[in-house]
Amino acid sequence: MKDENKKSSPVIRVLSLILILVYLVLLGIFIYFMISGSEYLLAMLFVIIVYPIILYVFVWLKKVFSNKE
């Protein structure tokens, strides 16, 4: 295996940082909805649970389809 595959490009690092920041914002909105008693609390809980699952599926599919051995 080459070492080039293990290095991540700056674009991927920035994208991952943006995705983490988006998740933190979603968590903040969820906490705000909990405190305020909003009617959208369950919908936001669904988003909080599904968001990491979707990201994991994208990473897994990338590994599956980029396997060139």
PDB file of N, CA and C in Angstrom:
ATOM      1  N   MET A   1       0.838  -1.181   0.000  1.00  0.00           N
ATOM      2  CA  MET A   1       0.000   0.000   0.000  1.00  0.00           C
ATOM      3  C   MET A   1       0.883   1.245   0.000  1.00  0.00           C
ATOM      4  N   LYS A   2       0.504   2.206  -0.753  1.00  0.00           N
ATOM      5  CA  LYS A   2       1.291   3.433  -0.834  1.00  0.00           C
ATOM      6  C   LYS A   2       0.955   4.361   0.324  1.00  0.00           C
ATOM      7  N   ASP A   3       1.923   5.201   0.670  1.00  0.00           N
ATOM      8  CA  ASP A   3       1.689   6.182   1.720  1.00  0.00           C
ATOM      9  C   ASP A   3       0.802   7.324   1.249  1.00  0.00           C
ATOM     10  N   GLU A   4       0.673   7.479  -0.066  1.00  0.00           N
ATOM     11  CA  GLU A   4      -0.155   8.566  -0.609  1.00  0.00           C
ATOM     12  C   GLU A   4      -1.615   8.379  -0.228  1.00  0.00           C
ATOM     13  N   ASN A   5      -2.064   7.136  -0.122  1.00  0.00           N
ATOM     14  CA  ASN A   5      -3.461   6.884   0.232  1.00  0.00           C
ATOM     15  C   ASN A   5      -3.757   7.252   1.677  1.00  0.00           C
ATOM     16  N   LYS A   6      -2.754   7.192   2.533  1.00  0.00           N
ATOM     17  CA  LYS A   6      -2.964   7.489   3.948  1.00  0.00           C
ATOM     18  C   LYS A   6      -2.999   8.983   4.242  1.00  0.00           C
ATOM     19  N   LYS A   7      -2.407   9.791   3.378  1.00  0.00           N
ATOM     20  CA  LYS A   7      -2.401  11.233   3.585  1.00  0.00           C
ATOM     21  C   LYS A   7      -3.732  11.818   3.117  1.00  0.00           C
ATOM     22  N   SER A   8      -4.273  12.718   3.902  1.00  0.00           N
ATOM     23  CA  SER A   8      -5.517  13.360   3.492  1.00  0.00           C
ATOM     24  C   SER A   8      -5.203  14.745   2.937  1.00  0.00           C
ATOM     25  N   SER A   9      -5.903  15.081   1.898  1.00  0.00           N
ATOM     26  CA  SER A   9      -5.672  16.372   1.268  1.00  0.00           C
ATOM     27  C   SER A   9      -6.275  17.488   2.120  1.00  0.00           C
ATOM     28  N   PRO A  10      -5.793  18.707   1.935  1.00  0.00           N
ATOM     29  CA  PRO A  10      -6.351  19.839   2.709  1.00  0.00           C
ATOM     30  C   PRO A  10      -7.841  20.050   2.445  1.00  0.00           C
ATOM     31  N   VAL A  11      -8.295  19.728   1.248  1.00  0.00           N
ATOM     32  CA  VAL A  11      -9.708  19.906   0.924  1.00  0.00           C
ATOM     33  C   VAL A  11     -10.556  18.971   1.786  1.00  0.00           C
ATOM     34  N   ILE A  12     -10.108  17.733   1.953  1.00  0.00           N
ATOM     35  CA  ILE A  12     -10.859  16.772   2.760  1.00  0.00           C
ATOM     36  C   ILE A  12     -10.849  17.194   4.225  1.00  0.00           C
ATOM     37  N   ARG A  13      -9.728  17.722   4.694  1.00  0.00           N
ATOM     38  CA  ARG A  13      -9.673  18.187   6.083  1.00  0.00           C
ATOM     39  C   ARG A  13     -10.627  19.351   6.320  1.00  0.00           C
ATOM     40  N   VAL A  14     -10.684  20.290   5.393  1.00  0.00           N
ATOM     41  CA  VAL A  14     -11.587  21.437   5.538  1.00  0.00           C
ATOM     42  C   VAL A  14     -13.032  20.964   5.479  1.00  0.00           C
ATOM     43  N   LEU A  15     -13.333  20.045   4.565  1.00  0.00           N
ATOM     44  CA  LEU A  15     -14.694  19.523   4.456  1.00  0.00           C
ATOM     45  C   LEU A  15     -15.107  18.794   5.731  1.00  0.00           C
ATOM     46  N   SER A  16     -14.214  18.003   6.295  1.00  0.00           N
ATOM     47  CA  SER A  16     -14.554  17.299   7.526  1.00  0.00           C
ATOM     48  C   SER A  16     -14.749  18.276   8.685  1.00  0.00           C
ATOM     49  N   LEU A  17     -13.949  19.324   8.729  1.00  0.00           N
ATOM     50  CA  LEU A  17     -14.120  20.342   9.766  1.00  0.00           C
ATOM     51  C   LEU A  17     -15.467  21.043   9.624  1.00  0.00           C
ATOM     52  N   ILE A  18     -15.862  21.340   8.397  1.00  0.00           N
ATOM     53  CA  ILE A  18     -17.164  21.978   8.155  1.00  0.00           C
ATOM     54  C   ILE A  18     -18.299  21.055   8.586  1.00  0.00           C
ATOM     55  N   LEU A  19     -18.183  19.752   8.273  1.00  0.00           N
ATOM     56  CA  LEU A  19     -19.235  18.804   8.655  1.00  0.00           C
ATOM     57  C   LEU A  19     -19.338  18.668  10.170  1.00  0.00           C
ATOM     58  N   ILE A  20     -18.210  18.711  10.863  1.00  0.00           N
ATOM     59  CA  ILE A  20     -18.241  18.655  12.321  1.00  0.00           C
ATOM     60  C   ILE A  20     -18.874  19.917  12.893  1.00  0.00           C
ATOM     61  N   LEU A  21     -18.554  21.071  12.320  1.00  0.00           N
ATOM     62  CA  LEU A  21     -19.156  22.320  12.787  1.00  0.00           C
ATOM     63  C   LEU A  21     -20.666  22.336  12.547  1.00  0.00           C
ATOM     64  N   VAL A  22     -21.101  21.798  11.411  1.00  0.00           N
ATOM     65  CA  VAL A  22     -22.540  21.705  11.134  1.00  0.00           C
ATOM     66  C   VAL A  22     -23.218  20.837  12.190  1.00  0.00           C
ATOM     67  N   TYR A  23     -22.563  19.717  12.544  1.00  0.00           N
ATOM     68  CA  TYR A  23     -23.146  18.838  13.560  1.00  0.00           C
ATOM     69  C   TYR A  23     -23.220  19.546  14.921  1.00  0.00           C
ATOM     70  N   LEU A  24     -22.200  20.319  15.254  1.00  0.00           N
ATOM     71  CA  LEU A  24     -22.232  21.053  16.516  1.00  0.00           C
ATOM     72  C   LEU A  24     -23.353  22.099  16.526  1.00  0.00           C
ATOM     73  N   VAL A  25     -23.575  22.734  15.397  1.00  0.00           N
ATOM     74  CA  VAL A  25     -24.687  23.692  15.294  1.00  0.00           C
ATOM     75  C   VAL A  25     -26.017  22.963  15.466  1.00  0.00           C
ATOM     76  N   LEU A  26     -26.141  21.787  14.843  1.00  0.00           N
ATOM     77  CA  LEU A  26     -27.375  21.006  15.000  1.00  0.00           C
ATOM     78  C   LEU A  26     -27.596  20.606  16.460  1.00  0.00           C
ATOM     79  N   LEU A  27     -26.516  20.239  17.149  1.00  0.00           N
ATOM     80  CA  LEU A  27     -26.648  19.921  18.570  1.00  0.00           C
ATOM     81  C   LEU A  27     -27.084  21.135  19.383  1.00  0.00           C
ATOM     82  N   GLY A  28     -26.539  22.298  19.046  1.00  0.00           N
ATOM     83  CA  GLY A  28     -26.949  23.521  19.726  1.00  0.00           C
ATOM     84  C   GLY A  28     -28.416  23.833  19.500  1.00  0.00           C
ATOM     85  N   ILE A  29     -28.866  23.661  18.274  1.00  0.00           N
ATOM     86  CA  ILE A  29     -30.290  23.891  17.980  1.00  0.00           C
ATOM     87  C   ILE A  29     -31.160  22.894  18.730  1.00  0.00           C
ATOM     88  N   PHE A  30     -30.695  21.636  18.807  1.00  0.00           N
ATOM     89  CA  PHE A  30     -31.444  20.615  19.543  1.00  0.00           C
ATOM     90  C   PHE A  30     -31.562  20.980  21.024  1.00  0.00           C
ATOM     91  N   ILE A  31     -30.481  21.428  21.618  1.00  0.00           N
ATOM     92  CA  ILE A  31     -30.520  21.828  23.029  1.00  0.00           C
ATOM     93  C   ILE A  31     -31.446  23.030  23.220  1.00  0.00           C
ATOM     94  N   TYR A  32     -31.410  23.967  22.280  1.00  0.00           N
ATOM     95  CA  TYR A  32     -32.316  25.113  22.356  1.00  0.00           C
ATOM     96  C   TYR A  32     -33.775  24.660  22.281  1.00  0.00           C
ATOM     97  N   PHE A  33     -34.067  23.717  21.379  1.00  0.00           N
ATOM     98  CA  PHE A  33     -35.430  23.197  21.267  1.00  0.00           C
ATOM     99  C   PHE A  33     -35.858  22.488  22.547  1.00  0.00           C
ATOM    100  N   MET A  34     -34.914  21.792  23.208  1.00  0.00           N
ATOM    101  CA  MET A  34     -35.243  21.130  24.472  1.00  0.00           C
ATOM    102  C   MET A  34     -35.604  22.153  25.542  1.00  0.00           C
ATOM    103  N   ILE A  35     -34.835  23.220  25.616  1.00  0.00           N
ATOM    104  CA  ILE A  35     -35.069  24.238  26.642  1.00  0.00           C
ATOM    105  C   ILE A  35     -36.358  25.004  26.372  1.00  0.00           C
ATOM    106  N   SER A  36     -36.577  25.345  25.103  1.00  0.00           N
ATOM    107  CA  SER A  36     -37.747  26.154  24.778  1.00  0.00           C
ATOM    108  C   SER A  36     -39.027  25.337  24.656  1.00  0.00           C
ATOM    109  N   GLY A  37     -38.927  24.017  24.573  1.00  0.00           N
ATOM    110  CA  GLY A  37     -40.125  23.183  24.455  1.00  0.00           C
ATOM    111  C   GLY A  37     -40.759  23.274  23.084  1.00  0.00           C
ATOM    112  N   SER A  38     -39.951  23.343  22.049  1.00  0.00           N
ATOM    113  CA  SER A  38     -40.459  23.487  20.693  1.00  0.00           C
ATOM    114  C   SER A  38     -41.166  22.219  20.225  1.00  0.00           C
ATOM    115  N   GLU A  39     -42.079  22.389  19.310  1.00  0.00           N
ATOM    116  CA  GLU A  39     -42.799  21.245  18.746  1.00  0.00           C
ATOM    117  C   GLU A  39     -41.938  20.472  17.743  1.00  0.00           C
ATOM    118  N   TYR A  40     -40.805  21.017  17.350  1.00  0.00           N
ATOM    119  CA  TYR A  40     -39.916  20.367  16.388  1.00  0.00           C
ATOM    120  C   TYR A  40     -38.812  19.551  17.061  1.00  0.00           C
ATOM    121  N   LEU A  41     -38.957  19.274  18.352  1.00  0.00           N
ATOM    122  CA  LEU A  41     -37.925  18.565  19.105  1.00  0.00           C
ATOM    123  C   LEU A  41     -37.704  17.155  18.566  1.00  0.00           C
ATOM    124  N   LEU A  42     -38.766  16.416  18.285  1.00  0.00           N
ATOM    125  CA  LEU A  42     -38.607  15.048  17.782  1.00  0.00           C
ATOM    126  C   LEU A  42     -38.014  15.032  16.378  1.00  0.00           C
ATOM    127  N   ALA A  43     -38.377  15.994  15.559  1.00  0.00           N
ATOM    128  CA  ALA A  43     -37.796  16.073  14.223  1.00  0.00           C
ATOM    129  C   ALA A  43     -36.301  16.365  14.309  1.00  0.00           C
ATOM    130  N   MET A  44     -35.930  17.226  15.224  1.00  0.00           N
ATOM    131  CA  MET A  44     -34.515  17.545  15.402  1.00  0.00           C
ATOM    132  C   MET A  44     -33.757  16.355  15.986  1.00  0.00           C
ATOM    133  N   LEU A  45     -34.380  15.596  16.855  1.00  0.00           N
ATOM    134  CA  LEU A  45     -33.760  14.384  17.385  1.00  0.00           C
ATOM    135  C   LEU A  45     -33.497  13.389  16.261  1.00  0.00           C
ATOM    136  N   PHE A  46     -34.436  13.277  15.341  1.00  0.00           N
ATOM    137  CA  PHE A  46     -34.253  12.416  14.177  1.00  0.00           C
ATOM    138  C   PHE A  46     -33.047  12.868  13.358  1.00  0.00           C
ATOM    139  N   VAL A  47     -32.924  14.163  13.135  1.00  0.00           N
ATOM    140  CA  VAL A  47     -31.792  14.697  12.365  1.00  0.00           C
ATOM    141  C   VAL A  47     -30.477  14.429  13.088  1.00  0.00           C
ATOM    142  N   ILE A  48     -30.459  14.612  14.397  1.00  0.00           N
ATOM    143  CA  ILE A  48     -29.250  14.387  15.191  1.00  0.00           C
ATOM    144  C   ILE A  48     -28.805  12.927  15.106  1.00  0.00           C
ATOM    145  N   ILE A  49     -29.755  12.001  15.043  1.00  0.00           N
ATOM    146  CA  ILE A  49     -29.414  10.584  14.960  1.00  0.00           C
ATOM    147  C   ILE A  49     -29.021  10.179  13.542  1.00  0.00           C
ATOM    148  N   VAL A  50     -29.707  10.678  12.544  1.00  0.00           N
ATOM    149  CA  VAL A  50     -29.505  10.232  11.161  1.00  0.00           C
ATOM    150  C   VAL A  50     -28.271  10.875  10.517  1.00  0.00           C
ATOM    151  N   TYR A  51     -27.919  12.082  10.885  1.00  0.00           N
ATOM    152  CA  TYR A  51     -26.797  12.804  10.264  1.00  0.00           C
ATOM    153  C   TYR A  51     -25.489  12.012  10.330  1.00  0.00           C
ATOM    154  N   PRO A  52     -25.070  11.508  11.496  1.00  0.00           N
ATOM    155  CA  PRO A  52     -23.820  10.726  11.512  1.00  0.00           C
ATOM    156  C   PRO A  52     -23.929   9.409  10.745  1.00  0.00           C
ATOM    157  N   ILE A  53     -25.117   8.823  10.722  1.00  0.00           N
ATOM    158  CA  ILE A  53     -25.298   7.574   9.981  1.00  0.00           C
ATOM    159  C   ILE A  53     -25.101   7.810   8.490  1.00  0.00           C
ATOM    160  N   ILE A  54     -25.644   8.896   7.977  1.00  0.00           N
ATOM    161  CA  ILE A  54     -25.482   9.222   6.555  1.00  0.00           C
ATOM    162  C   ILE A  54     -24.017   9.491   6.234  1.00  0.00           C
ATOM    163  N   LEU A  55     -23.329  10.208   7.094  1.00  0.00           N
ATOM    164  CA  LEU A  55     -21.906  10.465   6.868  1.00  0.00           C
ATOM    165  C   LEU A  55     -21.110   9.166   6.882  1.00  0.00           C
ATOM    166  N   TYR A  56     -21.428   8.260   7.808  1.00  0.00           N
ATOM    167  CA  TYR A  56     -20.737   6.974   7.865  1.00  0.00           C
ATOM    168  C   TYR A  56     -20.974   6.170   6.597  1.00  0.00           C
ATOM    169  N   VAL A  57     -22.188   6.183   6.072  1.00  0.00           N
ATOM    170  CA  VAL A  57     -22.497   5.448   4.841  1.00  0.00           C
ATOM    171  C   VAL A  57     -21.696   6.012   3.675  1.00  0.00           C
ATOM    172  N   PHE A  58     -21.564   7.333   3.588  1.00  0.00           N
ATOM    173  CA  PHE A  58     -20.771   7.932   2.512  1.00  0.00           C
ATOM    174  C   PHE A  58     -19.308   7.522   2.610  1.00  0.00           C
ATOM    175  N   VAL A  59     -18.749   7.526   3.810  1.00  0.00           N
ATOM    176  CA  VAL A  59     -17.348   7.125   3.991  1.00  0.00           C
ATOM    177  C   VAL A  59     -17.174   5.652   3.646  1.00  0.00           C
ATOM    178  N   TRP A  60     -18.108   4.822   4.063  1.00  0.00           N
ATOM    179  CA  TRP A  60     -18.038   3.391   3.772  1.00  0.00           C
ATOM    180  C   TRP A  60     -18.138   3.125   2.274  1.00  0.00           C
ATOM    181  N   LEU A  61     -19.056   3.818   1.593  1.00  0.00           N
ATOM    182  CA  LEU A  61     -19.186   3.639   0.146  1.00  0.00           C
ATOM    183  C   LEU A  61     -17.941   4.105  -0.589  1.00  0.00           C
ATOM    184  N   LYS A  62     -17.316   5.155  -0.098  1.00  0.00           N
ATOM    185  CA  LYS A  62     -16.069   5.614  -0.718  1.00  0.00           C
ATOM    186  C   LYS A  62     -14.991   4.547  -0.603  1.00  0.00           C
ATOM    187  N   LYS A  63     -14.894   3.918   0.564  1.00  0.00           N
ATOM    188  CA  LYS A  63     -13.909   2.846   0.741  1.00  0.00           C
ATOM    189  C   LYS A  63     -14.227   1.645  -0.151  1.00  0.00           C
ATOM    190  N   VAL A  64     -15.490   1.320  -0.286  1.00  0.00           N
ATOM    191  CA  VAL A  64     -15.880   0.157  -1.087  1.00  0.00           C
ATOM    192  C   VAL A  64     -15.561   0.385  -2.557  1.00  0.00           C
ATOM    193  N   PHE A  65     -15.893   1.547  -3.079  1.00  0.00           N
ATOM    194  CA  PHE A  65     -15.733   1.789  -4.509  1.00  0.00           C
ATOM    195  C   PHE A  65     -14.345   2.296  -4.900  1.00  0.00           C
ATOM    196  N   SER A  66     -13.512   2.661  -3.937  1.00  0.00           N
ATOM    197  CA  SER A  66     -12.174   3.105  -4.287  1.00  0.00           C
ATOM    198  C   SER A  66     -11.128   2.021  -4.076  1.00  0.00           C
ATOM    199  N   ASN A  67     -11.550   0.813  -3.752  1.00  0.00           N
ATOM    200  CA  ASN A  67     -10.631  -0.299  -3.552  1.00  0.00           C
ATOM    201  C   ASN A  67     -10.109  -0.753  -4.920  1.00  0.00           C
ATOM    202  N   LYS A  68      -8.815  -0.530  -5.176  1.00  0.00           N
ATOM    203  CA  LYS A  68      -8.258  -0.815  -6.500  1.00  0.00           C
ATOM    204  C   LYS A  68      -7.249  -1.957  -6.448  1.00  0.00           C
ATOM    205  N   GLU A  69      -7.445  -2.880  -5.556  1.00  0.00           N
ATOM    206  CA  GLU A  69      -6.519  -4.001  -5.437  1.00  0.00           C
ATOM    207  C   GLU A  69      -6.893  -5.123  -6.366  1.00  0.00           C
TER     208      GLU A  69
END
